[in-house]
Protein backbone atom coordinates (compact mmCIF):
# COMPACT_ATOMS: atom_id res chain seq x y z
CA MET A 1 12.20 -13.30 16.27
CA LYS A 2 9.34 -14.53 15.12
CA VAL A 3 8.66 -15.16 11.94
CA LEU A 4 4.22 -14.04 10.86
CA MET A 5 3.62 -14.81 7.35
CA ASP A 6 5.87 -17.18 5.38
CA GLU A 7 5.75 -16.81 1.40
CA THR A 8 2.64 -18.55 1.34
CA SER A 9 0.86 -16.87 3.93
CA ILE A 10 2.19 -13.51 2.18
CA THR A 11 0.92 -15.02 -0.98
CA ARG A 12 -2.26 -15.91 0.23
CA SER A 13 -2.88 -12.66 1.89
CA LEU A 14 -2.46 -10.78 -1.55
CA THR A 15 -4.47 -13.56 -3.53
CA ARG A 16 -7.39 -12.11 -0.57
CA ILE A 17 -6.88 -8.67 -0.62
CA THR A 18 -6.74 -8.57 -4.85
CA HIS A 19 -10.15 -10.31 -4.71
CA GLU A 20 -11.44 -7.71 -2.00
CA ILE A 21 -10.67 -5.31 -4.31
CA LEU A 22 -12.13 -6.62 -7.56
CA GLU A 23 -15.03 -7.32 -5.69
CA ARG A 24 -16.03 -3.96 -3.52
CA ASN A 25 -15.56 -2.01 -6.98
CA LYS A 26 -17.24 -4.37 -9.29
CA GLY A 27 -14.29 -4.51 -11.29
CA VAL A 28 -11.75 -3.13 -12.75
CA ASN A 29 -13.04 0.24 -14.17
CA ASP A 30 -11.75 3.32 -13.10
CA LEU A 31 -9.07 1.81 -11.02
CA VAL A 32 -5.26 3.07 -10.03
CA LEU A 33 -2.99 1.49 -7.69
CA PHE A 34 -0.33 3.60 -5.88
CA GLY A 35 2.06 1.85 -4.13
CA ILE A 36 4.09 3.03 -1.04
CA LYS A 37 7.91 3.06 -2.13
CA THR A 38 9.63 0.73 -1.06
CA ARG A 39 7.56 -2.58 -0.31
CA GLY A 40 4.44 -1.15 -0.32
CA ALA A 41 4.80 -0.97 -4.51
CA TYR A 42 6.22 -3.63 -5.03
CA LEU A 43 2.94 -5.49 -3.50
CA ALA A 44 0.91 -3.03 -6.02
CA LYS A 45 2.61 -4.85 -8.45
CA ARG A 46 2.23 -7.98 -7.23
CA ILE A 47 -1.91 -6.80 -6.79
CA GLY A 48 -2.07 -5.83 -10.21
CA THR A 49 -0.79 -9.07 -11.65
CA ASN A 50 -3.23 -10.86 -9.56
CA ILE A 51 -5.74 -8.56 -11.61
CA LEU A 52 -4.36 -9.48 -14.89
CA SER A 53 -4.22 -13.07 -13.80
CA PHE A 54 -7.71 -13.01 -12.65
CA GLU A 55 -9.95 -10.68 -15.00
CA GLY A 56 -7.28 -10.51 -17.58
CA SER A 57 -7.43 -6.47 -17.93
CA MET A 58 -4.41 -3.94 -17.01
CA VAL A 59 -4.75 -1.19 -14.48
CA PRO A 60 -2.23 1.66 -14.19
CA VAL A 61 -0.20 1.07 -10.87
CA PHE A 62 2.85 3.92 -9.81
CA GLU A 63 5.04 4.36 -7.18
CA LEU A 64 4.55 7.11 -4.38
CA ASP A 65 7.90 8.20 -2.54
CA ILE A 66 5.99 9.66 0.36
CA ARG A 67 9.17 12.21 1.45
CA PRO A 68 8.09 15.38 0.14
CA TRP A 69 4.44 15.19 2.31
CA ARG A 70 5.97 13.63 5.40
CA ASP A 71 5.03 15.66 8.51
CA ASP A 72 8.92 14.07 10.05
CA LEU A 73 11.15 15.85 7.68
CA LYS A 74 11.89 19.31 8.53
CA GLN A 75 13.74 19.37 4.30
CA PRO A 76 12.51 17.01 1.83
CA GLU A 77 14.75 14.82 0.37
CA VAL A 78 12.88 15.20 -2.91
CA SER A 79 10.85 17.76 -3.85
CA PRO A 80 6.81 16.72 -5.19
CA ALA A 81 7.02 14.23 -8.06
CA LEU A 82 6.77 15.85 -11.04
CA ASN A 83 6.56 12.58 -13.14
CA PHE A 84 2.85 12.03 -12.15
CA ALA A 85 1.68 14.99 -14.03
CA LYS A 86 0.19 12.48 -16.39
CA VAL A 87 -1.59 10.49 -14.15
CA ASP A 88 -4.88 10.68 -13.88
CA ILE A 89 -6.73 10.03 -11.56
CA GLU A 90 -9.77 12.77 -11.65
CA ASP A 91 -12.70 10.77 -10.28
CA LYS A 92 -10.59 7.55 -10.01
CA ILE A 93 -10.43 5.13 -7.59
CA VAL A 94 -7.48 5.05 -6.12
CA VAL A 95 -5.88 1.94 -3.93
CA LEU A 96 -3.30 3.04 -1.82
CA VAL A 97 -0.79 -0.18 -1.05
CA ASP A 98 1.11 -0.82 2.00
CA ASP A 99 3.26 -3.18 3.55
CA VAL A 100 2.42 -2.34 7.76
CA LEU A 101 0.28 -0.19 9.08
CA PHE A 102 1.14 1.14 12.39
CA LYS A 103 0.78 5.14 13.38
CA GLY A 104 -1.21 6.19 10.28
CA ARG A 105 1.43 8.64 9.91
CA THR A 106 2.94 7.33 6.24
CA VAL A 107 -0.50 6.77 4.98
CA ARG A 108 -2.02 10.72 6.10
CA ALA A 109 1.32 11.40 3.37
CA ALA A 110 0.27 9.83 0.48
CA LEU A 111 -2.98 11.19 0.82
CA THR A 112 -1.49 14.17 0.93
CA GLY A 113 0.95 13.58 -1.39
CA ILE A 114 -1.73 11.50 -3.83
CA LEU A 115 -4.30 14.79 -3.48
CA SER A 116 -1.36 17.00 -4.96
CA ILE A 117 -2.22 14.37 -8.77
CA GLY A 118 -5.68 15.11 -8.07
CA ARG A 119 -9.22 14.63 -7.16
CA PRO A 120 -9.90 10.97 -7.19
CA ARG A 121 -13.35 9.63 -6.45
CA GLN A 122 -12.19 7.99 -3.68
CA ILE A 123 -9.28 6.53 -2.08
CA GLN A 124 -9.17 2.78 -0.47
CA LEU A 125 -6.44 1.55 1.04
CA ALA A 126 -4.78 -2.14 0.94
CA VAL A 127 -2.36 -3.17 3.51
CA LEU A 128 -0.84 -6.20 4.38
CA ILE A 129 0.04 -6.13 8.35
CA ASP A 130 -2.00 -4.07 10.45
CA ARG A 131 0.17 -3.99 13.92
CA GLY A 132 -2.45 -1.13 15.58
CA HIS A 133 -1.32 2.11 17.63
CA ARG A 134 -3.05 4.77 15.56
CA GLU A 135 -1.65 8.44 16.23
CA LEU A 136 -4.28 9.19 12.85
CA PRO A 137 -7.79 8.24 12.60
CA ILE A 138 -6.82 6.07 9.99
CA ARG A 139 -8.38 2.64 8.91
CA ALA A 140 -7.69 0.27 6.35
CA ASP A 141 -10.20 -0.79 4.04
CA TYR A 142 -8.30 -3.92 3.21
CA VAL A 143 -5.85 -5.84 5.14
CA GLY A 144 -3.84 -8.87 5.08
CA LYS A 145 -3.23 -9.57 8.72
CA ASN A 146 -4.13 -8.21 12.14
CA ILE A 147 -1.65 -8.84 14.30
CA PRO A 148 -1.48 -7.20 17.48
CA THR A 149 2.10 -5.88 19.02
CA ALA A 150 3.53 -3.63 21.72
CA LYS A 151 4.82 -0.46 20.58
CA SER A 152 7.92 -1.24 21.86
CA GLU A 153 7.70 -4.31 18.74
CA GLU A 154 8.63 -4.06 15.54
CA VAL A 155 7.14 -5.35 12.13
CA LYS A 156 9.54 -6.07 9.08
CA LEU A 157 8.24 -7.58 6.14
CA HIS A 158 11.48 -9.22 3.44
CA LEU A 159 10.02 -9.33 -0.24
CA LYS A 160 12.21 -11.11 -3.36
CA GLU A 161 11.78 -7.78 -4.56
CA CYS A 162 14.82 -5.62 -2.09
CA ASP A 163 15.38 -8.41 0.76
CA ASN A 164 15.64 -11.39 -0.80
CA ALA A 165 14.26 -13.37 1.45
CA GLU A 166 10.05 -13.63 1.36
CA GLU A 167 8.80 -12.84 5.03
CA ALA A 168 7.55 -10.80 7.56
CA ILE A 169 8.96 -11.31 11.08
CA LEU A 170 8.14 -9.82 14.67
CA LEU A 171 11.27 -8.25 16.61
């Protein structure tokens, strides 16, 4: 086991990602954050809190359960999220947030989920860790840390909200 990121480096990376999102989008107008359940949702909430702190404006932050759109589940455990009926993403800038980008399949499912809700102007991707090994042509717009790994290795992110720890480790 090797610690890749500690609490300080996670916080620093999320702060930088937040500033990059604000700079690229020239503020918060029409910005909506979707965190991919589970850890991506917590990271999206932290980015939303950072935006409030830096800009004094709240942006909508939603949790996206991608299970209905996964291509590796024959019978989805849940039906597509009907709770998004009131989410207006038409002509908005959607930032998808996830913890670790690996093969790209989770992001593909998230894109399908977002597009089932509406038609945003643009979809951007923010990830805390990009470890490579894509199987799909997906690239993050905002990356906390690029970590080259072997396919056999595993990257785990622990967050206080769900793991009572704050670190990224390589197994």
